[in-house]
Amino acid sequence: MAHRGWKRDGFTPAKKAKAIAALGKYGNVTDAARIAGVSDTTFYRHLNKCPDFARSCELAREQAARPLETLAWERATKGAPEKVIRNGEVVQIKVKPSDSMLGMLLRASDPKKYGRLSRGGATRKQIERKLRRKIEAETRETMRRELVASDEEVKEALVKALWAHGIRTRAEQSAAPGPEAEE
């Protein structure tokens, strides 16, 4: 009797379905294998050995890439909001399209017409990785800018706090009974 393979390594059809669903959601083999409860090695072995599984994984990766492609297109055409903060307050929200993102999308869509992304050309996976890193870096930078106060903002806040403390202290002193009231 022929051995089915999945009994030996535990990668059952149910676990394969779970791995494909996770791959479609996260686009990452490591996460998909972990969620399915198998090793990366097992996942890749089945990917290379089973054409049906490989095709399902390819479709799942395409599904995971769609939101990234949509986000990249929106950043290239509409732009991303960027808050301008002065004295601790948002004074303006700029929205500027990304020319570099648009160029990257054009080169990826038609390298013959718009040129290659790099000397050897770029695969879809490389483009997605580069886009993901750029988007994550922009997000981190925006969050950092929002969380970090400038020296001027810190100085202004301290002056306000000291001023308020001085008013409160003077009010308490004037409300407290003086030495004459004790006699």
C-alpha atoms as a PDB file:
ATOM      1  CA  MET A   1       0.000   0.000   0.000  1.00  0.00           C
ATOM      2  CA  ALA A   2       1.330   3.447  -0.936  1.00  0.00           C
ATOM      3  CA  HIS A   3       2.200   5.817   1.882  1.00  0.00           C
ATOM      4  CA  ARG A   4       0.360   9.159   1.757  1.00  0.00           C
ATOM      5  CA  GLY A   5       3.177  11.192   3.296  1.00  0.00           C
ATOM      6  CA  TRP A   6       1.043  13.282   5.604  1.00  0.00           C
ATOM      7  CA  LYS A   7       0.804  10.502   8.181  1.00  0.00           C
ATOM      8  CA  ARG A   8       4.582  10.441   8.474  1.00  0.00           C
ATOM      9  CA  ASP A   9       5.129  14.170   9.086  1.00  0.00           C
ATOM     10  CA  GLY A  10       1.742  15.150  10.505  1.00  0.00           C
ATOM     11  CA  PHE A  11       0.873  17.614   7.724  1.00  0.00           C
ATOM     12  CA  THR A  12      -2.698  16.420   7.338  1.00  0.00           C
ATOM     13  CA  PRO A  13      -5.146  17.815   4.787  1.00  0.00           C
ATOM     14  CA  ALA A  14      -6.790  19.803   7.601  1.00  0.00           C
ATOM     15  CA  LYS A  15      -3.442  21.326   8.601  1.00  0.00           C
ATOM     16  CA  LYS A  16      -2.709  22.103   4.948  1.00  0.00           C
ATOM     17  CA  ALA A  17      -6.020  23.947   4.682  1.00  0.00           C
ATOM     18  CA  LYS A  18      -5.204  25.873   7.856  1.00  0.00           C
ATOM     19  CA  ALA A  19      -1.733  26.738   6.500  1.00  0.00           C
ATOM     20  CA  ILE A  20      -3.174  27.942   3.177  1.00  0.00           C
ATOM     21  CA  ALA A  21      -5.734  30.123   4.983  1.00  0.00           C
ATOM     22  CA  ALA A  22      -2.979  31.631   7.161  1.00  0.00           C
ATOM     23  CA  LEU A  23      -0.776  32.182   4.115  1.00  0.00           C
ATOM     24  CA  GLY A  24      -3.659  34.013   2.439  1.00  0.00           C
ATOM     25  CA  LYS A  25      -4.079  36.226   5.485  1.00  0.00           C
ATOM     26  CA  TYR A  26      -0.446  36.938   6.413  1.00  0.00           C
ATOM     27  CA  GLY A  27       1.496  36.158   3.209  1.00  0.00           C
ATOM     28  CA  ASN A  28       4.310  34.565   5.204  1.00  0.00           C
ATOM     29  CA  VAL A  29       5.310  30.877   5.165  1.00  0.00           C
ATOM     30  CA  THR A  30       6.821  30.979   8.661  1.00  0.00           C
ATOM     31  CA  ASP A  31       3.592  32.308  10.177  1.00  0.00           C
ATOM     32  CA  ALA A  32       1.443  29.938   8.104  1.00  0.00           C
ATOM     33  CA  ALA A  33       3.482  26.900   9.190  1.00  0.00           C
ATOM     34  CA  ARG A  34       3.401  27.976  12.842  1.00  0.00           C
ATOM     35  CA  ILE A  35      -0.372  28.476  12.760  1.00  0.00           C
ATOM     36  CA  ALA A  36      -0.844  25.076  11.109  1.00  0.00           C
ATOM     37  CA  GLY A  37       1.401  23.443  13.711  1.00  0.00           C
ATOM     38  CA  VAL A  38       4.153  22.211  11.365  1.00  0.00           C
ATOM     39  CA  SER A  39       7.727  23.222  10.691  1.00  0.00           C
ATOM     40  CA  ASP A  40       8.851  25.440   7.816  1.00  0.00           C
ATOM     41  CA  THR A  41      10.774  22.476   6.458  1.00  0.00           C
ATOM     42  CA  THR A  42       7.624  20.350   6.294  1.00  0.00           C
ATOM     43  CA  PHE A  43       5.735  23.188   4.642  1.00  0.00           C
ATOM     44  CA  TYR A  44       8.428  23.687   1.956  1.00  0.00           C
ATOM     45  CA  ARG A  45       8.791  19.929   1.400  1.00  0.00           C
ATOM     46  CA  HIS A  46       5.082  19.673   0.601  1.00  0.00           C
ATOM     47  CA  LEU A  47       5.238  22.847  -1.470  1.00  0.00           C
ATOM     48  CA  ASN A  48       7.933  21.258  -3.664  1.00  0.00           C
ATOM     49  CA  LYS A  49       6.363  17.800  -3.691  1.00  0.00           C
ATOM     50  CA  CYS A  50       2.659  18.524  -4.222  1.00  0.00           C
ATOM     51  CA  PRO A  51       1.632  20.643  -7.260  1.00  0.00           C
ATOM     52  CA  ASP A  52      -1.925  21.135  -5.953  1.00  0.00           C
ATOM     53  CA  PHE A  53      -0.638  22.453  -2.635  1.00  0.00           C
ATOM     54  CA  ALA A  54       1.880  24.684  -4.449  1.00  0.00           C
ATOM     55  CA  ARG A  55      -0.884  26.175  -6.621  1.00  0.00           C
ATOM     56  CA  SER A  56      -3.085  26.795  -3.575  1.00  0.00           C
ATOM     57  CA  CYS A  57      -0.159  28.523  -1.838  1.00  0.00           C
ATOM     58  CA  GLU A  58       0.477  30.685  -4.893  1.00  0.00           C
ATOM     59  CA  LEU A  59      -3.167  31.789  -4.912  1.00  0.00           C
ATOM     60  CA  ALA A  60      -3.035  32.457  -1.164  1.00  0.00           C
ATOM     61  CA  ARG A  61       0.066  34.642  -1.576  1.00  0.00           C
ATOM     62  CA  GLU A  62      -1.678  36.610  -4.311  1.00  0.00           C
ATOM     63  CA  GLN A  63      -4.619  37.096  -1.961  1.00  0.00           C
ATOM     64  CA  ALA A  64      -2.295  38.371   0.790  1.00  0.00           C
ATOM     65  CA  ALA A  65      -0.599  40.786  -1.642  1.00  0.00           C
ATOM     66  CA  ARG A  66      -3.814  42.512  -2.769  1.00  0.00           C
ATOM     67  CA  PRO A  67      -4.160  44.827   0.254  1.00  0.00           C
ATOM     68  CA  LEU A  68      -0.475  45.790  -0.060  1.00  0.00           C
ATOM     69  CA  GLU A  69      -0.887  46.568  -3.740  1.00  0.00           C
ATOM     70  CA  THR A  70      -3.976  48.639  -3.002  1.00  0.00           C
ATOM     71  CA  LEU A  71      -2.155  50.533  -0.261  1.00  0.00           C
ATOM     72  CA  ALA A  72       0.839  51.140  -2.543  1.00  0.00           C
ATOM     73  CA  TRP A  73      -1.456  52.414  -5.308  1.00  0.00           C
ATOM     74  CA  GLU A  74      -3.251  54.738  -2.870  1.00  0.00           C
ATOM     75  CA  ARG A  75       0.058  56.090  -1.544  1.00  0.00           C
ATOM     76  CA  ALA A  76       1.284  56.629  -5.105  1.00  0.00           C
ATOM     77  CA  THR A  77      -1.859  58.385  -6.358  1.00  0.00           C
ATOM     78  CA  LYS A  78      -3.660  59.900  -3.362  1.00  0.00           C
ATOM     79  CA  GLY A  79      -0.852  60.131  -0.831  1.00  0.00           C
ATOM     80  CA  ALA A  80      -0.629  59.466   2.870  1.00  0.00           C
ATOM     81  CA  PRO A  81      -1.739  61.927   5.549  1.00  0.00           C
ATOM     82  CA  GLU A  82       1.080  63.492   7.524  1.00  0.00           C
ATOM     83  CA  LYS A  83       0.389  65.597  10.613  1.00  0.00           C
ATOM     84  CA  VAL A  84       2.269  68.848  11.131  1.00  0.00           C
ATOM     85  CA  ILE A  85       2.542  69.506  14.874  1.00  0.00           C
ATOM     86  CA  ARG A  86       3.532  72.844  16.399  1.00  0.00           C
ATOM     87  CA  ASN A  87       3.487  73.605  20.109  1.00  0.00           C
ATOM     88  CA  GLY A  88       1.898  70.258  20.819  1.00  0.00           C
ATOM     89  CA  GLU A  89      -1.067  70.848  18.519  1.00  0.00           C
ATOM     90  CA  VAL A  90      -1.858  69.546  15.052  1.00  0.00           C
ATOM     91  CA  VAL A  91      -1.828  72.639  12.852  1.00  0.00           C
ATOM     92  CA  GLN A  92      -2.047  70.984   9.449  1.00  0.00           C
ATOM     93  CA  ILE A  93      -2.490  67.637   7.781  1.00  0.00           C
ATOM     94  CA  LYS A  94      -0.557  67.319   4.529  1.00  0.00           C
ATOM     95  CA  VAL A  95      -1.416  64.723   1.914  1.00  0.00           C
ATOM     96  CA  LYS A  96       1.282  64.232  -0.678  1.00  0.00           C
ATOM     97  CA  PRO A  97       1.356  61.466  -3.306  1.00  0.00           C
ATOM     98  CA  SER A  98       4.552  59.435  -3.526  1.00  0.00           C
ATOM     99  CA  ASP A  99       6.294  59.817  -6.897  1.00  0.00           C
ATOM    100  CA  SER A 100       8.823  57.116  -6.003  1.00  0.00           C
ATOM    101  CA  MET A 101       6.036  54.657  -5.167  1.00  0.00           C
ATOM    102  CA  LEU A 102       4.312  55.413  -8.478  1.00  0.00           C
ATOM    103  CA  GLY A 103       7.580  54.896 -10.370  1.00  0.00           C
ATOM    104  CA  MET A 104       8.161  51.600  -8.610  1.00  0.00           C
ATOM    105  CA  LEU A 105       4.664  50.379  -9.467  1.00  0.00           C
ATOM    106  CA  LEU A 106       5.080  51.389 -13.111  1.00  0.00           C
ATOM    107  CA  ARG A 107       8.480  49.678 -13.409  1.00  0.00           C
ATOM    108  CA  ALA A 108       7.091  46.530 -11.784  1.00  0.00           C
ATOM    109  CA  SER A 109       4.049  46.479 -14.060  1.00  0.00           C
ATOM    110  CA  ASP A 110       5.964  46.970 -17.350  1.00  0.00           C
ATOM    111  CA  PRO A 111       9.771  46.715 -17.039  1.00  0.00           C
ATOM    112  CA  LYS A 112      10.251  46.924 -20.823  1.00  0.00           C
ATOM    113  CA  LYS A 113       8.484  50.263 -21.006  1.00  0.00           C
ATOM    114  CA  TYR A 114       9.529  51.891 -17.707  1.00  0.00           C
ATOM    115  CA  GLY A 115      12.829  50.145 -16.971  1.00  0.00           C
ATOM    116  CA  ARG A 116      13.827  47.614 -14.375  1.00  0.00           C
ATOM    117  CA  LEU A 117      13.799  48.219 -10.644  1.00  0.00           C
ATOM    118  CA  SER A 118      17.376  46.999 -10.297  1.00  0.00           C
ATOM    119  CA  ARG A 119      20.151  45.621 -12.492  1.00  0.00           C
ATOM    120  CA  GLY A 120      18.861  42.071 -12.415  1.00  0.00           C
ATOM    121  CA  GLY A 121      15.205  43.065 -12.305  1.00  0.00           C
ATOM    122  CA  ALA A 122      13.022  42.559  -9.285  1.00  0.00           C
ATOM    123  CA  THR A 123      10.616  39.797  -8.505  1.00  0.00           C
ATOM    124  CA  ARG A 124       7.199  40.470  -7.096  1.00  0.00           C
ATOM    125  CA  LYS A 125       8.388  39.174  -3.730  1.00  0.00           C
ATOM    126  CA  GLN A 126      11.306  41.657  -3.700  1.00  0.00           C
ATOM    127  CA  ILE A 127       8.993  44.529  -4.615  1.00  0.00           C
ATOM    128  CA  GLU A 128       6.524  43.572  -1.886  1.00  0.00           C
ATOM    129  CA  ARG A 129       9.326  43.275   0.659  1.00  0.00           C
ATOM    130  CA  LYS A 130      10.668  46.716  -0.300  1.00  0.00           C
ATOM    131  CA  LEU A 131       7.187  48.266  -0.161  1.00  0.00           C
ATOM    132  CA  ARG A 132       6.443  46.642   3.185  1.00  0.00           C
ATOM    133  CA  ARG A 133       9.717  47.968   4.676  1.00  0.00           C
ATOM    134  CA  LYS A 134       9.042  51.469   3.327  1.00  0.00           C
ATOM    135  CA  ILE A 135       5.483  51.526   4.670  1.00  0.00           C
ATOM    136  CA  GLU A 136       6.611  50.229   8.079  1.00  0.00           C
ATOM    137  CA  ALA A 137       9.410  52.827   8.216  1.00  0.00           C
ATOM    138  CA  GLU A 138       6.976  55.629   7.347  1.00  0.00           C
ATOM    139  CA  THR A 139       4.569  54.417  10.021  1.00  0.00           C
ATOM    140  CA  ARG A 140       7.332  54.222  12.660  1.00  0.00           C
ATOM    141  CA  GLU A 141       8.581  57.710  11.730  1.00  0.00           C
ATOM    142  CA  THR A 142       5.071  59.182  11.932  1.00  0.00           C
ATOM    143  CA  MET A 143       4.472  57.567  15.319  1.00  0.00           C
ATOM    144  CA  ARG A 144       7.877  58.737  16.576  1.00  0.00           C
ATOM    145  CA  ARG A 145       7.172  62.315  15.478  1.00  0.00           C
ATOM    146  CA  GLU A 146       3.806  62.247  17.229  1.00  0.00           C
ATOM    147  CA  LEU A 147       5.212  60.889  20.491  1.00  0.00           C
ATOM    148  CA  VAL A 148       8.373  62.998  20.836  1.00  0.00           C
ATOM    149  CA  ALA A 149       8.071  66.608  21.964  1.00  0.00           C
ATOM    150  CA  SER A 150      10.567  69.196  20.791  1.00  0.00           C
ATOM    151  CA  ASP A 151      12.790  71.045  23.285  1.00  0.00           C
ATOM    152  CA  GLU A 152      10.668  74.146  22.776  1.00  0.00           C
ATOM    153  CA  GLU A 153       7.447  72.210  23.549  1.00  0.00           C
ATOM    154  CA  VAL A 154       8.960  70.759  26.732  1.00  0.00           C
ATOM    155  CA  LYS A 155      10.175  74.211  27.836  1.00  0.00           C
ATOM    156  CA  GLU A 156       6.741  75.734  27.201  1.00  0.00           C
ATOM    157  CA  ALA A 157       4.999  72.971  29.163  1.00  0.00           C
ATOM    158  CA  LEU A 158       7.384  73.401  32.111  1.00  0.00           C
ATOM    159  CA  VAL A 159       6.897  77.177  32.166  1.00  0.00           C
ATOM    160  CA  LYS A 160       3.103  76.718  32.185  1.00  0.00           C
ATOM    161  CA  ALA A 161       3.323  74.168  35.006  1.00  0.00           C
ATOM    162  CA  LEU A 162       5.604  76.370  37.098  1.00  0.00           C
ATOM    163  CA  TRP A 163       3.382  79.386  36.484  1.00  0.00           C
ATOM    164  CA  ALA A 164       0.279  77.407  37.542  1.00  0.00           C
ATOM    165  CA  HIS A 165       2.136  76.129  40.615  1.00  0.00           C
ATOM    166  CA  GLY A 166       3.103  79.722  41.551  1.00  0.00           C
ATOM    167  CA  ILE A 167      -0.512  80.893  41.293  1.00  0.00           C
ATOM    168  CA  ARG A 168      -1.718  77.979  43.401  1.00  0.00           C
ATOM    169  CA  THR A 169       0.984  78.556  46.042  1.00  0.00           C
ATOM    170  CA  ARG A 170       0.158  82.285  46.307  1.00  0.00           C
ATOM    171  CA  ALA A 171      -3.573  81.473  46.593  1.00  0.00           C
ATOM    172  CA  GLU A 172      -2.915  78.964  49.377  1.00  0.00           C
ATOM    173  CA  GLN A 173      -0.724  81.455  51.218  1.00  0.00           C
ATOM    174  CA  SER A 174      -3.334  84.208  51.009  1.00  0.00           C
ATOM    175  CA  ALA A 175      -6.118  81.834  52.136  1.00  0.00           C
ATOM    176  CA  ALA A 176      -4.155  80.511  55.106  1.00  0.00           C
ATOM    177  CA  PRO A 177      -4.707  82.327  58.399  1.00  0.00           C
ATOM    178  CA  GLY A 178      -1.824  84.665  59.184  1.00  0.00           C
ATOM    179  CA  PRO A 179      -0.066  85.108  62.561  1.00  0.00           C
ATOM    180  CA  GLU A 180      -2.578  87.824  63.534  1.00  0.00           C
ATOM    181  CA  ALA A 181      -5.504  85.381  63.285  1.00  0.00           C
ATOM    182  CA  GLU A 182      -3.959  83.061  65.869  1.00  0.00           C
ATOM    183  CA  GLU A 183      -3.854  85.713  68.623  1.00  0.00           C
END
